[in-house]
Amino acid sequence: MPITAMEKTVRDILQDGHLRKSGKIDRLRELQSEARGIQRAGSESSMSADDGLQDDLRVIEKALHDLHADIEQKGAATL
């Protein structure tokens, strides 16, 4: 199965040995924000309802989940 441009971009970020985990998360969140913006613009125009944007978001969100970035860091635990 061919790899999409977003899958390649995400894979490149995850495999970048020069980026720390926080840098990878930051870059993935930038991509996520861009993809959501494009999706929002598409829903407000005559663009197709899904031009692969859902798949792109899914790829990004999975990578963030794999980096445990979807778990918000809170302050000290309270009992």
N, C-alpha and C. Protein backbone atom coordinates (compact mmCIF):
# COMPACT_ATOMS: atom_id res chain seq x y z
N MET A 1 0.85 -1.17 0.00
CA MET A 1 0.00 0.00 0.00
C MET A 1 0.90 1.24 0.00
N PRO A 2 0.62 2.20 -0.88
CA PRO A 2 1.48 3.40 -0.95
C PRO A 2 1.34 4.26 0.30
N ILE A 3 2.40 4.95 0.60
CA ILE A 3 2.43 5.82 1.77
C ILE A 3 2.02 7.24 1.32
N THR A 4 1.20 7.90 2.14
CA THR A 4 0.77 9.26 1.80
C THR A 4 1.86 10.26 2.18
N ALA A 5 1.73 11.46 1.67
CA ALA A 5 2.69 12.52 1.99
C ALA A 5 2.69 12.81 3.49
N MET A 6 1.51 12.81 4.11
CA MET A 6 1.43 13.08 5.55
C MET A 6 2.08 11.96 6.35
N GLU A 7 1.85 10.72 5.94
CA GLU A 7 2.48 9.59 6.63
C GLU A 7 4.00 9.71 6.56
N LYS A 8 4.52 10.12 5.40
CA LYS A 8 5.97 10.29 5.25
C LYS A 8 6.46 11.42 6.14
N THR A 9 5.74 12.52 6.17
CA THR A 9 6.12 13.67 7.00
C THR A 9 6.16 13.28 8.47
N VAL A 10 5.12 12.59 8.92
CA VAL A 10 5.04 12.17 10.32
C VAL A 10 6.16 11.18 10.62
N ARG A 11 6.40 10.24 9.73
CA ARG A 11 7.47 9.25 9.94
C ARG A 11 8.83 9.95 10.04
N ASP A 12 9.05 10.94 9.17
CA ASP A 12 10.31 11.68 9.20
C ASP A 12 10.50 12.41 10.54
N ILE A 13 9.43 12.99 11.05
CA ILE A 13 9.49 13.68 12.34
C ILE A 13 9.82 12.69 13.45
N LEU A 14 9.11 11.57 13.46
CA LEU A 14 9.31 10.58 14.51
C LEU A 14 10.71 9.97 14.48
N GLN A 15 11.29 9.86 13.31
CA GLN A 15 12.61 9.23 13.17
C GLN A 15 13.76 10.23 13.23
N ASP A 16 13.45 11.51 13.37
CA ASP A 16 14.49 12.54 13.41
C ASP A 16 15.27 12.43 14.72
N GLY A 17 16.51 11.99 14.61
CA GLY A 17 17.35 11.80 15.79
C GLY A 17 17.83 13.10 16.42
N HIS A 18 17.66 14.21 15.72
CA HIS A 18 18.09 15.50 16.24
C HIS A 18 17.01 16.18 17.07
N LEU A 19 15.78 15.70 16.96
CA LEU A 19 14.68 16.30 17.71
C LEU A 19 14.43 15.53 18.99
N ARG A 20 14.25 16.26 20.07
CA ARG A 20 13.83 15.64 21.32
C ARG A 20 12.35 15.32 21.21
N LYS A 21 11.85 14.55 22.16
CA LYS A 21 10.44 14.18 22.18
C LYS A 21 9.56 15.43 22.17
N SER A 22 9.91 16.43 22.96
CA SER A 22 9.10 17.66 23.01
C SER A 22 9.10 18.38 21.67
N GLY A 23 10.21 18.35 20.96
CA GLY A 23 10.28 18.97 19.64
C GLY A 23 9.42 18.23 18.63
N LYS A 24 9.41 16.91 18.73
CA LYS A 24 8.57 16.10 17.84
C LYS A 24 7.10 16.40 18.11
N ILE A 25 6.75 16.49 19.38
CA ILE A 25 5.36 16.79 19.76
C ILE A 25 4.98 18.17 19.25
N ASP A 26 5.85 19.15 19.42
CA ASP A 26 5.56 20.50 18.94
C ASP A 26 5.32 20.52 17.44
N ARG A 27 6.19 19.84 16.70
CA ARG A 27 6.05 19.81 15.24
C ARG A 27 4.77 19.10 14.82
N LEU A 28 4.45 18.00 15.50
CA LEU A 28 3.21 17.27 15.18
C LEU A 28 1.98 18.11 15.51
N ARG A 29 2.04 18.87 16.60
CA ARG A 29 0.91 19.74 16.94
C ARG A 29 0.74 20.86 15.91
N GLU A 30 1.86 21.35 15.37
CA GLU A 30 1.77 22.34 14.29
C GLU A 30 1.07 21.74 13.07
N LEU A 31 1.47 20.53 12.71
CA LEU A 31 0.83 19.85 11.58
C LEU A 31 -0.66 19.62 11.84
N GLN A 32 -0.96 19.24 13.09
CA GLN A 32 -2.35 19.00 13.47
C GLN A 32 -3.18 20.27 13.33
N SER A 33 -2.63 21.36 13.79
CA SER A 33 -3.32 22.65 13.70
C SER A 33 -3.54 23.05 12.24
N GLU A 34 -2.51 22.87 11.42
CA GLU A 34 -2.63 23.19 9.99
C GLU A 34 -3.69 22.32 9.33
N ALA A 35 -3.68 21.02 9.63
CA ALA A 35 -4.64 20.10 9.02
C ALA A 35 -6.06 20.44 9.46
N ARG A 36 -6.23 20.80 10.71
CA ARG A 36 -7.57 21.20 11.19
C ARG A 36 -8.03 22.49 10.52
N GLY A 37 -7.12 23.43 10.33
CA GLY A 37 -7.46 24.67 9.65
C GLY A 37 -7.90 24.43 8.22
N ILE A 38 -7.18 23.56 7.52
CA ILE A 38 -7.54 23.22 6.15
C ILE A 38 -8.89 22.52 6.12
N GLN A 39 -9.10 21.64 7.07
CA GLN A 39 -10.37 20.92 7.15
C GLN A 39 -11.52 21.89 7.40
N ARG A 40 -11.31 22.84 8.29
CA ARG A 40 -12.32 23.84 8.62
C ARG A 40 -12.64 24.68 7.38
N ALA A 41 -11.60 25.11 6.68
CA ALA A 41 -11.79 25.90 5.46
C ALA A 41 -12.55 25.10 4.42
N GLY A 42 -12.24 23.83 4.32
CA GLY A 42 -12.92 22.97 3.36
C GLY A 42 -14.39 22.80 3.66
N SER A 43 -14.72 22.76 4.94
CA SER A 43 -16.12 22.59 5.31
C SER A 43 -16.93 23.86 5.06
N GLU A 44 -16.24 24.99 4.94
CA GLU A 44 -16.92 26.27 4.72
C GLU A 44 -16.93 26.67 3.24
N SER A 45 -16.34 25.85 2.39
CA SER A 45 -16.29 26.18 0.97
C SER A 45 -16.89 25.04 0.16
N SER A 46 -16.68 25.11 -1.13
CA SER A 46 -17.23 24.08 -2.00
C SER A 46 -16.28 22.91 -2.19
N MET A 47 -15.23 22.84 -1.37
CA MET A 47 -14.30 21.71 -1.46
C MET A 47 -15.02 20.43 -1.08
N SER A 48 -14.50 19.33 -1.51
CA SER A 48 -15.04 18.04 -1.12
C SER A 48 -15.02 17.90 0.39
N ALA A 49 -16.03 17.26 0.92
CA ALA A 49 -16.14 17.11 2.38
C ALA A 49 -14.93 16.41 2.98
N ASP A 50 -14.32 15.49 2.25
CA ASP A 50 -13.15 14.80 2.77
C ASP A 50 -12.15 14.56 1.64
N ASP A 51 -11.15 15.38 1.59
CA ASP A 51 -10.09 15.24 0.59
C ASP A 51 -8.89 14.52 1.20
N GLY A 52 -9.14 13.55 2.07
CA GLY A 52 -8.06 12.85 2.73
C GLY A 52 -7.62 13.52 4.01
N LEU A 53 -8.28 14.61 4.37
CA LEU A 53 -7.89 15.36 5.56
C LEU A 53 -8.14 14.57 6.83
N GLN A 54 -9.22 13.80 6.87
CA GLN A 54 -9.49 12.97 8.05
C GLN A 54 -8.36 11.96 8.25
N ASP A 55 -7.90 11.38 7.15
CA ASP A 55 -6.81 10.41 7.24
C ASP A 55 -5.53 11.08 7.74
N ASP A 56 -5.26 12.29 7.25
CA ASP A 56 -4.08 13.03 7.70
C ASP A 56 -4.17 13.29 9.20
N LEU A 57 -5.32 13.75 9.65
CA LEU A 57 -5.48 14.01 11.09
C LEU A 57 -5.31 12.74 11.90
N ARG A 58 -5.84 11.65 11.39
CA ARG A 58 -5.72 10.37 12.11
C ARG A 58 -4.26 9.96 12.25
N VAL A 59 -3.48 10.14 11.21
CA VAL A 59 -2.05 9.80 11.23
C VAL A 59 -1.32 10.66 12.27
N ILE A 60 -1.61 11.95 12.28
CA ILE A 60 -0.97 12.87 13.22
C ILE A 60 -1.38 12.53 14.65
N GLU A 61 -2.67 12.32 14.86
CA GLU A 61 -3.16 12.04 16.22
C GLU A 61 -2.63 10.72 16.75
N LYS A 62 -2.46 9.74 15.87
CA LYS A 62 -1.87 8.46 16.31
C LYS A 62 -0.42 8.67 16.75
N ALA A 63 0.31 9.46 15.98
CA ALA A 63 1.71 9.72 16.35
C ALA A 63 1.78 10.45 17.68
N LEU A 64 0.90 11.42 17.90
CA LEU A 64 0.87 12.13 19.19
C LEU A 64 0.52 11.17 20.32
N HIS A 65 -0.41 10.27 20.06
CA HIS A 65 -0.79 9.28 21.07
C HIS A 65 0.40 8.36 21.39
N ASP A 66 1.10 7.94 20.35
CA ASP A 66 2.26 7.05 20.54
C ASP A 66 3.36 7.73 21.35
N LEU A 67 3.44 9.06 21.27
CA LEU A 67 4.42 9.82 22.06
C LEU A 67 3.86 10.23 23.42
N HIS A 68 2.66 9.75 23.71
CA HIS A 68 1.96 10.07 24.97
C HIS A 68 1.71 11.56 25.10
N ALA A 69 1.56 12.24 23.99
CA ALA A 69 1.31 13.68 23.99
C ALA A 69 -0.16 13.99 24.19
N ASP A 70 -1.01 12.99 24.06
CA ASP A 70 -2.43 13.22 24.22
C ASP A 70 -2.84 13.19 25.69
N ILE A 71 -1.90 12.88 26.56
CA ILE A 71 -2.14 12.89 28.00
C ILE A 71 -1.63 14.21 28.53
N GLU A 72 -2.55 15.08 28.93
CA GLU A 72 -2.14 16.38 29.41
C GLU A 72 -1.39 16.24 30.72
N GLN A 73 -0.29 16.96 30.79
CA GLN A 73 0.49 16.97 32.02
C GLN A 73 -0.12 17.97 32.98
N LYS A 74 -0.46 17.52 34.15
CA LYS A 74 -1.05 18.37 35.17
C LYS A 74 -0.02 18.66 36.23
N GLY A 75 -0.36 19.56 37.14
CA GLY A 75 0.51 19.86 38.26
C GLY A 75 0.56 18.68 39.22
N ALA A 76 1.00 18.94 40.43
CA ALA A 76 1.10 17.88 41.44
C ALA A 76 -0.27 17.26 41.66
N ALA A 77 -0.27 15.97 41.85
CA ALA A 77 -1.53 15.26 42.08
C ALA A 77 -2.14 15.67 43.40
N THR A 78 -3.44 15.79 43.39
CA THR A 78 -4.15 16.13 44.63
C THR A 78 -4.95 14.94 45.07
N LEU A 79 -5.02 14.77 46.35
CA LEU A 79 -5.76 13.63 46.88
C LEU A 79 -7.11 14.04 47.37
